[in-house]
PDB file of N, CA and C in Angstrom:
ATOM      1  N   MET A   1     -57.482  89.218  98.878  1.00  0.00           N
ATOM      2  CA  MET A   1     -58.432  90.266  99.197  1.00  0.00           C
ATOM      3  C   MET A   1     -59.297  90.545  97.974  1.00  0.00           C
ATOM      4  N   THR A   2     -60.604  90.493  98.144  1.00  0.00           N
ATOM      5  CA  THR A   2     -61.529  90.770  97.058  1.00  0.00           C
ATOM      6  C   THR A   2     -61.898  92.245  97.071  1.00  0.00           C
ATOM      7  N   LEU A   3     -61.679  92.917  95.953  1.00  0.00           N
ATOM      8  CA  LEU A   3     -62.021  94.332  95.857  1.00  0.00           C
ATOM      9  C   LEU A   3     -63.510  94.473  95.572  1.00  0.00           C
ATOM     10  N   HIS A   4     -64.100  95.485  96.160  1.00  0.00           N
ATOM     11  CA  HIS A   4     -65.520  95.766  95.945  1.00  0.00           C
ATOM     12  C   HIS A   4     -65.648  97.134  95.295  1.00  0.00           C
ATOM     13  N   PHE A   5     -65.922  97.140  94.003  1.00  0.00           N
ATOM     14  CA  PHE A   5     -66.158  98.396  93.317  1.00  0.00           C
ATOM     15  C   PHE A   5     -67.658  98.656  93.338  1.00  0.00           C
ATOM     16  N   PRO A   6     -68.049  99.787  93.879  1.00  0.00           N
ATOM     17  CA  PRO A   6     -69.483 100.037  94.037  1.00  0.00           C
ATOM     18  C   PRO A   6     -70.147 100.374  92.715  1.00  0.00           C
ATOM     19  N   GLU A   7     -71.411 100.102  92.664  1.00  0.00           N
ATOM     20  CA  GLU A   7     -72.235 100.525  91.536  1.00  0.00           C
ATOM     21  C   GLU A   7     -72.694 101.953  91.802  1.00  0.00           C
ATOM     22  N   LEU A   8     -73.048 102.661  90.753  1.00  0.00           N
ATOM     23  CA  LEU A   8     -73.577 104.014  90.882  1.00  0.00           C
ATOM     24  C   LEU A   8     -74.752 104.041  91.850  1.00  0.00           C
ATOM     25  N   ALA A   9     -75.646 103.073  91.755  1.00  0.00           N
ATOM     26  CA  ALA A   9     -76.840 103.056  92.606  1.00  0.00           C
ATOM     27  C   ALA A   9     -76.481 102.990  94.090  1.00  0.00           C
ATOM     28  N   GLU A  10     -75.431 102.266  94.433  1.00  0.00           N
ATOM     29  CA  GLU A  10     -75.020 102.134  95.834  1.00  0.00           C
ATOM     30  C   GLU A  10     -74.532 103.471  96.395  1.00  0.00           C
ATOM     31  N   ILE A  11     -73.650 104.143  95.677  1.00  0.00           N
ATOM     32  CA  ILE A  11     -73.104 105.413  96.153  1.00  0.00           C
ATOM     33  C   ILE A  11     -74.164 106.507  96.077  1.00  0.00           C
ATOM     34  N   ARG A  12     -74.978 106.485  95.043  1.00  0.00           N
ATOM     35  CA  ARG A  12     -76.064 107.469  94.944  1.00  0.00           C
ATOM     36  C   ARG A  12     -77.009 107.339  96.141  1.00  0.00           C
ATOM     37  N   SER A  13     -77.302 106.129  96.540  1.00  0.00           N
ATOM     38  CA  SER A  13     -78.179 105.893  97.683  1.00  0.00           C
ATOM     39  C   SER A  13     -77.577 106.457  98.970  1.00  0.00           C
ATOM     40  N   LEU A  14     -76.282 106.277  99.155  1.00  0.00           N
ATOM     41  CA  LEU A  14     -75.608 106.827 100.330  1.00  0.00           C
ATOM     42  C   LEU A  14     -75.639 108.352 100.295  1.00  0.00           C
ATOM     43  N   GLU A  15     -75.367 108.923  99.130  1.00  0.00           N
ATOM     44  CA  GLU A  15     -75.394 110.386  98.964  1.00  0.00           C
ATOM     45  C   GLU A  15     -76.783 110.932  99.275  1.00  0.00           C
ATOM     46  N   GLU A  16     -77.795 110.305  98.709  1.00  0.00           N
ATOM     47  CA  GLU A  16     -79.158 110.789  98.891  1.00  0.00           C
ATOM     48  C   GLU A  16     -79.651 110.591 100.323  1.00  0.00           C
ATOM     49  N   ALA A  17     -79.063 109.641 101.048  1.00  0.00           N
ATOM     50  CA  ALA A  17     -79.417 109.492 102.461  1.00  0.00           C
ATOM     51  C   ALA A  17     -79.098 110.785 103.205  1.00  0.00           C
ATOM     52  N   LEU A  18     -78.026 111.448 102.805  1.00  0.00           N
ATOM     53  CA  LEU A  18     -77.637 112.705 103.456  1.00  0.00           C
ATOM     54  C   LEU A  18     -78.594 113.845 103.141  1.00  0.00           C
ATOM     55  N   HIS A  19     -79.504 113.651 102.205  1.00  0.00           N
ATOM     56  CA  HIS A  19     -80.523 114.655 101.878  1.00  0.00           C
ATOM     57  C   HIS A  19     -81.771 114.500 102.751  1.00  0.00           C
ATOM     58  N   ARG A  20     -81.920 113.343 103.394  1.00  0.00           N
ATOM     59  CA  ARG A  20     -83.155 113.048 104.128  1.00  0.00           C
ATOM     60  C   ARG A  20     -83.127 113.609 105.551  1.00  0.00           C
ATOM     61  N   PRO A  21     -84.237 114.201 105.999  1.00  0.00           N
ATOM     62  CA  PRO A  21     -84.287 114.805 107.336  1.00  0.00           C
ATOM     63  C   PRO A  21     -83.967 113.831 108.470  1.00  0.00           C
ATOM     64  N   GLU A  22     -84.408 112.582 108.353  1.00  0.00           N
ATOM     65  CA  GLU A  22     -84.162 111.633 109.440  1.00  0.00           C
ATOM     66  C   GLU A  22     -82.676 111.293 109.581  1.00  0.00           C
ATOM     67  N   VAL A  23     -81.937 111.360 108.492  1.00  0.00           N
ATOM     68  CA  VAL A  23     -80.488 111.132 108.547  1.00  0.00           C
ATOM     69  C   VAL A  23     -79.788 112.404 109.024  1.00  0.00           C
ATOM     70  N   ARG A  24     -80.182 113.549 108.486  1.00  0.00           N
ATOM     71  CA  ARG A  24     -79.587 114.830 108.871  1.00  0.00           C
ATOM     72  C   ARG A  24     -79.828 115.159 110.342  1.00  0.00           C
ATOM     73  N   GLY A  25     -80.824 114.535 110.938  1.00  0.00           N
ATOM     74  CA  GLY A  25     -81.135 114.761 112.345  1.00  0.00           C
ATOM     75  C   GLY A  25     -80.589 113.704 113.288  1.00  0.00           C
ATOM     76  N   SER A  26     -79.765 112.797 112.769  1.00  0.00           N
ATOM     77  CA  SER A  26     -79.227 111.707 113.580  1.00  0.00           C
ATOM     78  C   SER A  26     -77.701 111.757 113.614  1.00  0.00           C
ATOM     79  N   ARG A  27     -77.146 112.041 114.785  1.00  0.00           N
ATOM     80  CA  ARG A  27     -75.685 112.080 114.912  1.00  0.00           C
ATOM     81  C   ARG A  27     -75.071 110.742 114.509  1.00  0.00           C
ATOM     82  N   ASP A  28     -75.661 109.629 114.951  1.00  0.00           N
ATOM     83  CA  ASP A  28     -75.114 108.311 114.617  1.00  0.00           C
ATOM     84  C   ASP A  28     -75.086 108.086 113.112  1.00  0.00           C
ATOM     85  N   ALA A  29     -76.176 108.439 112.435  1.00  0.00           N
ATOM     86  CA  ALA A  29     -76.236 108.246 110.986  1.00  0.00           C
ATOM     87  C   ALA A  29     -75.191 109.119 110.278  1.00  0.00           C
ATOM     88  N   LEU A  30     -75.080 110.370 110.708  1.00  0.00           N
ATOM     89  CA  LEU A  30     -74.111 111.277 110.087  1.00  0.00           C
ATOM     90  C   LEU A  30     -72.679 110.813 110.324  1.00  0.00           C
ATOM     91  N   GLU A  31     -72.376 110.394 111.535  1.00  0.00           N
ATOM     92  CA  GLU A  31     -71.027 109.909 111.824  1.00  0.00           C
ATOM     93  C   GLU A  31     -70.710 108.641 111.041  1.00  0.00           C
ATOM     94  N   GLY A  32     -71.736 107.845 110.747  1.00  0.00           N
ATOM     95  CA  GLY A  32     -71.523 106.647 109.933  1.00  0.00           C
ATOM     96  C   GLY A  32     -71.276 106.956 108.472  1.00  0.00           C
ATOM     97  N   LEU A  33     -71.850 108.036 107.983  1.00  0.00           N
ATOM     98  CA  LEU A  33     -71.721 108.389 106.565  1.00  0.00           C
ATOM     99  C   LEU A  33     -70.548 109.324 106.269  1.00  0.00           C
ATOM    100  N   LEU A  34     -70.145 110.135 107.228  1.00  0.00           N
ATOM    101  CA  LEU A  34     -69.062 111.100 107.011  1.00  0.00           C
ATOM    102  C   LEU A  34     -67.777 110.599 107.658  1.00  0.00           C
ATOM    103  N   ALA A  35     -66.746 110.463 106.853  1.00  0.00           N
ATOM    104  CA  ALA A  35     -65.469 109.931 107.329  1.00  0.00           C
ATOM    105  C   ALA A  35     -64.779 110.914 108.268  1.00  0.00           C
ATOM    106  N   VAL A  36     -63.974 110.374 109.166  1.00  0.00           N
ATOM    107  CA  VAL A  36     -63.082 111.213 109.964  1.00  0.00           C
ATOM    108  C   VAL A  36     -62.176 111.919 108.958  1.00  0.00           C
ATOM    109  N   GLY A  37     -62.035 113.218 109.096  1.00  0.00           N
ATOM    110  CA  GLY A  37     -61.265 113.999 108.141  1.00  0.00           C
ATOM    111  C   GLY A  37     -62.109 114.626 107.049  1.00  0.00           C
ATOM    112  N   PHE A  38     -63.431 114.402 107.098  1.00  0.00           N
ATOM    113  CA  PHE A  38     -64.348 114.962 106.100  1.00  0.00           C
ATOM    114  C   PHE A  38     -64.197 116.481 106.013  1.00  0.00           C
ATOM    115  N   VAL A  39     -64.275 117.000 104.770  1.00  0.00           N
ATOM    116  CA  VAL A  39     -64.256 118.440 104.500  1.00  0.00           C
ATOM    117  C   VAL A  39     -65.306 118.736 103.443  1.00  0.00           C
ATOM    118  N   GLU A  40     -66.009 119.853 103.618  1.00  0.00           N
ATOM    119  CA  GLU A  40     -66.950 120.317 102.595  1.00  0.00           C
ATOM    120  C   GLU A  40     -66.599 121.744 102.209  1.00  0.00           C
ATOM    121  N   PHE A  41     -66.561 121.980 100.896  1.00  0.00           N
ATOM    122  CA  PHE A  41     -66.480 123.333 100.352  1.00  0.00           C
ATOM    123  C   PHE A  41     -67.874 123.629  99.828  1.00  0.00           C
ATOM    124  N   ALA A  42     -68.628 124.416 100.587  1.00  0.00           N
ATOM    125  CA  ALA A  42     -70.026 124.670 100.259  1.00  0.00           C
ATOM    126  C   ALA A  42     -70.166 125.657  99.109  1.00  0.00           C
ATOM    127  N   ALA A  43     -71.333 125.623  98.466  1.00  0.00           N
ATOM    128  CA  ALA A  43     -71.623 126.548  97.364  1.00  0.00           C
ATOM    129  C   ALA A  43     -71.540 128.000  97.830  1.00  0.00           C
ATOM    130  N   SER A  44     -71.699 128.221  99.132  1.00  0.00           N
ATOM    131  CA  SER A  44     -71.607 129.570  99.697  1.00  0.00           C
ATOM    132  C   SER A  44     -70.175 130.080  99.745  1.00  0.00           C
ATOM    133  N   GLY A  45     -69.207 129.174  99.540  1.00  0.00           N
ATOM    134  CA  GLY A  45     -67.805 129.549  99.634  1.00  0.00           C
ATOM    135  C   GLY A  45     -67.202 129.248 100.991  1.00  0.00           C
ATOM    136  N   THR A  46     -68.003 128.679 101.890  1.00  0.00           N
ATOM    137  CA  THR A  46     -67.537 128.352 103.232  1.00  0.00           C
ATOM    138  C   THR A  46     -66.996 126.929 103.272  1.00  0.00           C
ATOM    139  N   ALA A  47     -65.899 126.724 103.997  1.00  0.00           N
ATOM    140  CA  ALA A  47     -65.348 125.383 104.205  1.00  0.00           C
ATOM    141  C   ALA A  47     -65.786 124.885 105.577  1.00  0.00           C
ATOM    142  N   TYR A  48     -66.201 123.627 105.640  1.00  0.00           N
ATOM    143  CA  TYR A  48     -66.657 123.019 106.883  1.00  0.00           C
ATOM    144  C   TYR A  48     -65.885 121.735 107.138  1.00  0.00           C
ATOM    145  N   ASN A  49     -65.585 121.467 108.427  1.00  0.00           N
ATOM    146  CA  ASN A  49     -65.019 120.173 108.781  1.00  0.00           C
ATOM    147  C   ASN A  49     -66.147 119.258 109.256  1.00  0.00           C
ATOM    148  N   ARG A  50     -65.816 118.034 109.550  1.00  0.00           N
ATOM    149  CA  ARG A  50     -66.819 117.022 109.918  1.00  0.00           C
ATOM    150  C   ARG A  50     -67.645 117.443 111.135  1.00  0.00           C
ATOM    151  N   ASP A  51     -66.969 117.851 112.209  1.00  0.00           N
ATOM    152  CA  ASP A  51     -67.699 118.196 113.431  1.00  0.00           C
ATOM    153  C   ASP A  51     -68.638 119.375 113.203  1.00  0.00           C
ATOM    154  N   THR A  52     -68.177 120.374 112.480  1.00  0.00           N
ATOM    155  CA  THR A  52     -69.001 121.559 112.242  1.00  0.00           C
ATOM    156  C   THR A  52     -70.219 121.224 111.393  1.00  0.00           C
ATOM    157  N   ILE A  53     -70.032 120.460 110.329  1.00  0.00           N
ATOM    158  CA  ILE A  53     -71.164 120.145 109.448  1.00  0.00           C
ATOM    159  C   ILE A  53     -72.171 119.263 110.180  1.00  0.00           C
ATOM    160  N   ILE A  54     -71.703 118.335 111.001  1.00  0.00           N
ATOM    161  CA  ILE A  54     -72.634 117.507 111.771  1.00  0.00           C
ATOM    162  C   ILE A  54     -73.448 118.389 112.717  1.00  0.00           C
ATOM    163  N   ASP A  55     -72.787 119.284 113.428  1.00  0.00           N
ATOM    164  CA  ASP A  55     -73.510 120.178 114.341  1.00  0.00           C
ATOM    165  C   ASP A  55     -74.532 121.030 113.595  1.00  0.00           C
ATOM    166  N   LEU A  56     -74.155 121.560 112.431  1.00  0.00           N
ATOM    167  CA  LEU A  56     -75.085 122.381 111.644  1.00  0.00           C
ATOM    168  C   LEU A  56     -76.284 121.574 111.156  1.00  0.00           C
ATOM    169  N   LEU A  57     -76.041 120.367 110.680  1.00  0.00           N
ATOM    170  CA  LEU A  57     -77.139 119.525 110.195  1.00  0.00           C
ATOM    171  C   LEU A  57     -78.089 119.151 111.326  1.00  0.00           C
ATOM    172  N   LEU A  58     -77.554 118.895 112.509  1.00  0.00           N
ATOM    173  CA  LEU A  58     -78.398 118.539 113.649  1.00  0.00           C
ATOM    174  C   LEU A  58     -79.271 119.699 114.101  1.00  0.00           C
ATOM    175  N   GLN A  59     -78.891 120.920 113.767  1.00  0.00           N
ATOM    176  CA  GLN A  59     -79.671 122.102 114.146  1.00  0.00           C
ATOM    177  C   GLN A  59     -80.781 122.439 113.148  1.00  0.00           C
ATOM    178  N   GLU A  60     -80.783 121.787 111.981  1.00  0.00           N
ATOM    179  CA  GLU A  60     -81.822 122.074 110.990  1.00  0.00           C
ATOM    180  C   GLU A  60     -83.200 121.734 111.530  1.00  0.00           C
ATOM    181  N   ASP A  61     -84.193 122.373 110.960  1.00  0.00           N
ATOM    182  CA  ASP A  61     -85.579 122.160 111.404  1.00  0.00           C
ATOM    183  C   ASP A  61     -86.247 120.972 110.722  1.00  0.00           C
ATOM    184  N   GLY A  62     -85.512 120.232 109.917  1.00  0.00           N
ATOM    185  CA  GLY A  62     -86.084 119.082 109.233  1.00  0.00           C
ATOM    186  C   GLY A  62     -86.469 119.366 107.796  1.00  0.00           C
ATOM    187  N   GLY A  63     -86.461 120.628 107.393  1.00  0.00           N
ATOM    188  CA  GLY A  63     -86.821 120.984 106.027  1.00  0.00           C
ATOM    189  C   GLY A  63     -85.653 121.503 105.229  1.00  0.00           C
ATOM    190  N   GLY A  64     -84.435 121.176 105.658  1.00  0.00           N
ATOM    191  CA  GLY A  64     -83.239 121.714 105.030  1.00  0.00           C
ATOM    192  C   GLY A  64     -83.087 121.409 103.556  1.00  0.00           C
ATOM    193  N   ASN A  65     -83.707 120.350 103.089  1.00  0.00           N
ATOM    194  CA  ASN A  65     -83.595 119.994 101.677  1.00  0.00           C
ATOM    195  C   ASN A  65     -84.941 119.958 100.980  1.00  0.00           C
ATOM    196  N   ASP A  66     -85.923 120.694 101.506  1.00  0.00           N
ATOM    197  CA  ASP A  66     -87.216 120.796 100.838  1.00  0.00           C
ATOM    198  C   ASP A  66     -87.010 121.376  99.444  1.00  0.00           C
ATOM    199  N   GLY A  67     -87.681 120.811  98.482  1.00  0.00           N
ATOM    200  CA  GLY A  67     -87.611 121.333  97.120  1.00  0.00           C
ATOM    201  C   GLY A  67     -86.338 120.980  96.389  1.00  0.00           C
ATOM    202  N   LEU A  68     -85.528 120.083  96.926  1.00  0.00           N
ATOM    203  CA  LEU A  68     -84.282 119.678  96.280  1.00  0.00           C
ATOM    204  C   LEU A  68     -84.558 118.584  95.259  1.00  0.00           C
ATOM    205  N   THR A  69     -84.070 118.789  94.049  1.00  0.00           N
ATOM    206  CA  THR A  69     -84.098 117.728  93.038  1.00  0.00           C
ATOM    207  C   THR A  69     -82.669 117.527  92.540  1.00  0.00           C
ATOM    208  N   THR A  70     -82.373 116.301  92.147  1.00  0.00           N
ATOM    209  CA  THR A  70     -81.028 115.965  91.682  1.00  0.00           C
ATOM    210  C   THR A  70     -81.122 115.222  90.354  1.00  0.00           C
ATOM    211  N   ALA A  71     -80.043 115.304  89.575  1.00  0.00           N
ATOM    212  CA  ALA A  71     -80.021 114.650  88.261  1.00  0.00           C
ATOM    213  C   ALA A  71     -78.573 114.485  87.797  1.00  0.00           C
ATOM    214  N   ASN A  72     -78.421 113.744  86.721  1.00  0.00           N
ATOM    215  CA  ASN A  72     -77.138 113.605  86.016  1.00  0.00           C
ATOM    216  C   ASN A  72     -76.028 113.019  86.880  1.00  0.00           C
ATOM    217  N   TYR A  73     -76.350 111.994  87.638  1.00  0.00           N
ATOM    218  CA  TYR A  73     -75.345 111.334  88.464  1.00  0.00           C
ATOM    219  C   TYR A  73     -74.328 110.603  87.591  1.00  0.00           C
ATOM    220  N   ALA A  74     -73.056 110.681  88.009  1.00  0.00           N
ATOM    221  CA  ALA A  74     -71.987 109.923  87.343  1.00  0.00           C
ATOM    222  C   ALA A  74     -71.000 109.475  88.411  1.00  0.00           C
ATOM    223  N   LEU A  75     -70.439 108.293  88.237  1.00  0.00           N
ATOM    224  CA  LEU A  75     -69.492 107.731  89.193  1.00  0.00           C
ATOM    225  C   LEU A  75     -68.192 107.407  88.469  1.00  0.00           C
ATOM    226  N   THR A  76     -67.069 107.850  89.047  1.00  0.00           N
ATOM    227  CA  THR A  76     -65.746 107.603  88.487  1.00  0.00           C
ATOM    228  C   THR A  76     -64.882 106.959  89.561  1.00  0.00           C
ATOM    229  N   THR A  77     -64.200 105.881  89.209  1.00  0.00           N
ATOM    230  CA  THR A  77     -63.288 105.231  90.142  1.00  0.00           C
ATOM    231  C   THR A  77     -62.006 106.044  90.224  1.00  0.00           C
ATOM    232  N   ILE A  78     -61.572 106.337  91.446  1.00  0.00           N
ATOM    233  CA  ILE A  78     -60.321 107.057  91.680  1.00  0.00           C
ATOM    234  C   ILE A  78     -59.203 106.071  92.001  1.00  0.00           C
ATOM    235  N   SER A  79     -59.509 105.102  92.864  1.00  0.00           N
ATOM    236  CA  SER A  79     -58.540 104.086  93.270  1.00  0.00           C
ATOM    237  C   SER A  79     -59.316 102.853  93.716  1.00  0.00           C
ATOM    238  N   ASP A  80     -58.601 101.876  94.259  1.00  0.00           N
ATOM    239  CA  ASP A  80     -59.260 100.652  94.723  1.00  0.00           C
ATOM    240  C   ASP A  80     -60.261 100.917  95.842  1.00  0.00           C
ATOM    241  N   ASP A  81     -60.084 102.032  96.567  1.00  0.00           N
ATOM    242  CA  ASP A  81     -60.954 102.289  97.709  1.00  0.00           C
ATOM    243  C   ASP A  81     -61.545 103.697  97.705  1.00  0.00           C
ATOM    244  N   ALA A  82     -61.634 104.329  96.525  1.00  0.00           N
ATOM    245  CA  ALA A  82     -62.204 105.674  96.463  1.00  0.00           C
ATOM    246  C   ALA A  82     -62.894 105.895  95.122  1.00  0.00           C
ATOM    247  N   VAL A  83     -64.031 106.604  95.181  1.00  0.00           N
ATOM    248  CA  VAL A  83     -64.780 106.951  93.969  1.00  0.00           C
ATOM    249  C   VAL A  83     -65.221 108.407  94.054  1.00  0.00           C
ATOM    250  N   LEU A  84     -65.446 108.981  92.892  1.00  0.00           N
ATOM    251  CA  LEU A  84     -65.946 110.347  92.771  1.00  0.00           C
ATOM    252  C   LEU A  84     -67.362 110.290  92.221  1.00  0.00           C
ATOM    253  N   LEU A  85     -68.302 110.885  92.958  1.00  0.00           N
ATOM    254  CA  LEU A  85     -69.682 110.997  92.508  1.00  0.00           C
ATOM    255  C   LEU A  85     -69.936 112.451  92.134  1.00  0.00           C
ATOM    256  N   THR A  86     -70.470 112.678  90.944  1.00  0.00           N
ATOM    257  CA  THR A  86     -70.840 114.030  90.529  1.00  0.00           C
ATOM    258  C   THR A  86     -72.309 114.033  90.136  1.00  0.00           C
ATOM    259  N   TYR A  87     -72.959 115.194  90.347  1.00  0.00           N
ATOM    260  CA  TYR A  87     -74.361 115.338  89.966  1.00  0.00           C
ATOM    261  C   TYR A  87     -74.751 116.804  90.030  1.00  0.00           C
ATOM    262  N   ASP A  88     -75.938 117.097  89.525  1.00  0.00           N
ATOM    263  CA  ASP A  88     -76.505 118.443  89.552  1.00  0.00           C
ATOM    264  C   ASP A  88     -77.648 118.471  90.564  1.00  0.00           C
ATOM    265  N   SER A  89     -77.799 119.606  91.230  1.00  0.00           N
ATOM    266  CA  SER A  89     -78.959 119.776  92.100  1.00  0.00           C
ATOM    267  C   SER A  89     -79.648 121.092  91.779  1.00  0.00           C
ATOM    268  N   GLU A  90     -80.931 121.113  92.088  1.00  0.00           N
ATOM    269  CA  GLU A  90     -81.733 122.316  91.896  1.00  0.00           C
ATOM    270  C   GLU A  90     -82.639 122.449  93.107  1.00  0.00           C
ATOM    271  N   ARG A  91     -82.724 123.656  93.622  1.00  0.00           N
ATOM    272  CA  ARG A  91     -83.602 123.924  94.761  1.00  0.00           C
ATOM    273  C   ARG A  91     -84.347 125.221  94.502  1.00  0.00           C
ATOM    274  N   THR A  92     -85.642 125.197  94.761  1.00  0.00           N
ATOM    275  CA  THR A  92     -86.434 126.417  94.657  1.00  0.00           C
ATOM    276  C   THR A  92     -86.260 127.199  95.953  1.00  0.00           C
ATOM    277  N   GLN A  93     -85.828 128.442  95.820  1.00  0.00           N
ATOM    278  CA  GLN A  93     -85.600 129.327  96.960  1.00  0.00           C
ATOM    279  C   GLN A  93     -86.931 129.912  97.444  1.00  0.00           C
ATOM    280  N   PRO A  94     -86.953 130.459  98.654  1.00  0.00           N
ATOM    281  CA  PRO A  94     -88.196 131.056  99.181  1.00  0.00           C
ATOM    282  C   PRO A  94     -88.787 132.135  98.277  1.00  0.00           C
ATOM    283  N   ASP A  95     -87.936 132.835  97.512  1.00  0.00           N
ATOM    284  CA  ASP A  95     -88.446 133.886  96.625  1.00  0.00           C
ATOM    285  C   ASP A  95     -88.905 133.345  95.272  1.00  0.00           C
ATOM    286  N   GLY A  96     -88.860 132.010  95.109  1.00  0.00           N
ATOM    287  CA  GLY A  96     -89.320 131.385  93.878  1.00  0.00           C
ATOM    288  C   GLY A  96     -88.239 131.154  92.835  1.00  0.00           C
ATOM    289  N   THR A  97     -87.053 131.725  93.024  1.00  0.00           N
ATOM    290  CA  THR A  97     -85.962 131.491  92.074  1.00  0.00           C
ATOM    291  C   THR A  97     -85.395 130.097  92.288  1.00  0.00           C
ATOM    292  N   LYS A  98     -84.735 129.600  91.277  1.00  0.00           N
ATOM    293  CA  LYS A  98     -84.122 128.278  91.367  1.00  0.00           C
ATOM    294  C   LYS A  98     -82.605 128.428  91.478  1.00  0.00           C
ATOM    295  N   ARG A  99     -82.032 127.638  92.365  1.00  0.00           N
ATOM    296  CA  ARG A  99     -80.581 127.639  92.556  1.00  0.00           C
ATOM    297  C   ARG A  99     -80.037 126.324  92.028  1.00  0.00           C
ATOM    298  N   HIS A 100     -79.168 126.415  91.045  1.00  0.00           N
ATOM    299  CA  HIS A 100     -78.561 125.238  90.418  1.00  0.00           C
ATOM    300  C   HIS A 100     -77.130 125.093  90.927  1.00  0.00           C
ATOM    301  N   VAL A 101     -76.798 123.889  91.391  1.00  0.00           N
ATOM    302  CA  VAL A 101     -75.479 123.645  91.962  1.00  0.00           C
ATOM    303  C   VAL A 101     -74.893 122.372  91.360  1.00  0.00           C
ATOM    304  N   LEU A 102     -73.629 122.458  90.934  1.00  0.00           N
ATOM    305  CA  LEU A 102     -72.866 121.284  90.527  1.00  0.00           C
ATOM    306  C   LEU A 102     -72.266 120.691  91.794  1.00  0.00           C
ATOM    307  N   ARG A 103     -72.425 119.399  91.991  1.00  0.00           N
ATOM    308  CA  ARG A 103     -71.967 118.768  93.231  1.00  0.00           C
ATOM    309  C   ARG A 103     -70.988 117.632  92.935  1.00  0.00           C
ATOM    310  N   SER A 104     -70.021 117.483  93.820  1.00  0.00           N
ATOM    311  CA  SER A 104     -69.078 116.372  93.723  1.00  0.00           C
ATOM    312  C   SER A 104     -68.754 115.869  95.118  1.00  0.00           C
ATOM    313  N   SER A 105     -68.651 114.567  95.242  1.00  0.00           N
ATOM    314  CA  SER A 105     -68.328 113.939  96.528  1.00  0.00           C
ATOM    315  C   SER A 105     -67.315 112.833  96.286  1.00  0.00           C
ATOM    316  N   ILE A 106     -66.345 112.754  97.166  1.00  0.00           N
ATOM    317  CA  ILE A 106     -65.417 111.625  97.161  1.00  0.00           C
ATOM    318  C   ILE A 106     -65.849 110.688  98.279  1.00  0.00           C
ATOM    319  N   TRP A 107     -66.108 109.454  97.897  1.00  0.00           N
ATOM    320  CA  TRP A 107     -66.480 108.407  98.840  1.00  0.00           C
ATOM    321  C   TRP A 107     -65.307 107.446  98.959  1.00  0.00           C
ATOM    322  N   LYS A 108     -64.929 107.126 100.213  1.00  0.00           N
ATOM    323  CA  LYS A 108     -63.792 106.253 100.473  1.00  0.00           C
ATOM    324  C   LYS A 108     -64.257 105.042 101.264  1.00  0.00           C
ATOM    325  N   ARG A 109     -63.748 103.898 100.886  1.00  0.00           N
ATOM    326  CA  ARG A 109     -64.098 102.665 101.605  1.00  0.00           C
ATOM    327  C   ARG A 109     -63.242 102.578 102.852  1.00  0.00           C
ATOM    328  N   ASN A 110     -63.891 102.545 104.012  1.00  0.00           N
ATOM    329  CA  ASN A 110     -63.236 102.403 105.311  1.00  0.00           C
ATOM    330  C   ASN A 110     -63.735 101.107 105.925  1.00  0.00           C
ATOM    331  N   GLU A 111     -62.828 100.174 106.141  1.00  0.00           N
ATOM    332  CA  GLU A 111     -63.182  98.860 106.653  1.00  0.00           C
ATOM    333  C   GLU A 111     -64.234  98.226 105.746  1.00  0.00           C
ATOM    334  N   HIS A 112     -65.490  98.154 106.198  1.00  0.00           N
ATOM    335  CA  HIS A 112     -66.513  97.468 105.408  1.00  0.00           C
ATOM    336  C   HIS A 112     -67.619  98.387 104.937  1.00  0.00           C
ATOM    337  N   ARG A 113     -67.370  99.700 104.882  1.00  0.00           N
ATOM    338  CA  ARG A 113     -68.415 100.608 104.441  1.00  0.00           C
ATOM    339  C   ARG A 113     -67.810 101.796 103.698  1.00  0.00           C
ATOM    340  N   TRP A 114     -68.664 102.417 102.902  1.00  0.00           N
ATOM    341  CA  TRP A 114     -68.287 103.623 102.171  1.00  0.00           C
ATOM    342  C   TRP A 114     -68.665 104.832 103.001  1.00  0.00           C
ATOM    343  N   GLN A 115     -67.741 105.791 103.086  1.00  0.00           N
ATOM    344  CA  GLN A 115     -67.992 107.035 103.803  1.00  0.00           C
ATOM    345  C   GLN A 115     -67.551 108.212 102.929  1.00  0.00           C
ATOM    346  N   MET A 116     -68.278 109.319 103.058  1.00  0.00           N
ATOM    347  CA  MET A 116     -67.935 110.521 102.310  1.00  0.00           C
ATOM    348  C   MET A 116     -66.734 111.190 102.985  1.00  0.00           C
ATOM    349  N   LEU A 117     -65.715 111.455 102.175  1.00  0.00           N
ATOM    350  CA  LEU A 117     -64.502 112.108 102.669  1.00  0.00           C
ATOM    351  C   LEU A 117     -64.475 113.585 102.292  1.00  0.00           C
ATOM    352  N   PHE A 118     -65.113 113.917 101.164  1.00  0.00           N
ATOM    353  CA  PHE A 118     -65.068 115.293 100.663  1.00  0.00           C
ATOM    354  C   PHE A 118     -66.349 115.582  99.887  1.00  0.00           C
ATOM    355  N   HIS A 119     -66.841 116.816 100.012  1.00  0.00           N
ATOM    356  CA  HIS A 119     -67.993 117.244  99.219  1.00  0.00           C
ATOM    357  C   HIS A 119     -67.785 118.697  98.813  1.00  0.00           C
ATOM    358  N   GLN A 120     -68.171 119.008  97.576  1.00  0.00           N
ATOM    359  CA  GLN A 120     -68.115 120.385  97.105  1.00  0.00           C
ATOM    360  C   GLN A 120     -69.352 120.708  96.313  1.00  0.00           C
ATOM    361  N   GLY A 121     -69.897 121.886  96.550  1.00  0.00           N
ATOM    362  CA  GLY A 121     -71.005 122.421  95.767  1.00  0.00           C
ATOM    363  C   GLY A 121     -70.542 123.710  95.103  1.00  0.00           C
ATOM    364  N   THR A 122     -70.770 123.807  93.804  1.00  0.00           N
ATOM    365  CA  THR A 122     -70.391 124.989  93.040  1.00  0.00           C
ATOM    366  C   THR A 122     -71.622 125.511  92.317  1.00  0.00           C
ATOM    367  N   ILE A 123     -71.951 126.758  92.561  1.00  0.00           N
ATOM    368  CA  ILE A 123     -73.133 127.340  91.898  1.00  0.00           C
ATOM    369  C   ILE A 123     -72.920 127.318  90.393  1.00  0.00           C
ATOM    370  N   LYS A 124     -73.937 126.839  89.698  1.00  0.00           N
ATOM    371  CA  LYS A 124     -73.900 126.746  88.239  1.00  0.00           C
ATOM    372  C   LYS A 124     -74.460 128.024  87.649  1.00  0.00           C
ATOM    373  N   ARG A 125     -73.655 128.685  86.887  1.00  0.00           N
ATOM    374  CA  ARG A 125     -74.089 129.906  86.214  1.00  0.00           C
ATOM    375  C   ARG A 125     -74.834 129.529  84.958  1.00  0.00           C
ATOM    376  N   ARG A 126     -75.950 130.169  84.726  1.00  0.00           N
ATOM    377  CA  ARG A 126     -76.780 129.843  83.561  1.00  0.00           C
ATOM    378  C   ARG A 126     -76.680 130.900  82.519  1.00  0.00           C
TER     379      ARG A 126
END
């Protein structure tokens, strides 16, 4: 069996796909990217399971990630079939303030593709 360790660019591309309106509006795309058993601990303090987050994303108006910028991506191998992606995000709020969030995602290799198993956003205090 040949192990496939992903490059940062590969996992970053999958992560950033989840930021795009066309992916967030497609049940098939979301189900392909989010693993069965997916859990998110949102920056709001709310925990979401896979079905709930998919339903919420499908209800967005298409501008859910307007003004989002990301930086400082890093990838750490956890095991032969799991990696941890960390990065920072910044979004300008409607009132003009900026919200900075530290983000982490665990991506797990299932069969022949990488899927997100866990995501957490933590508000960064400045």
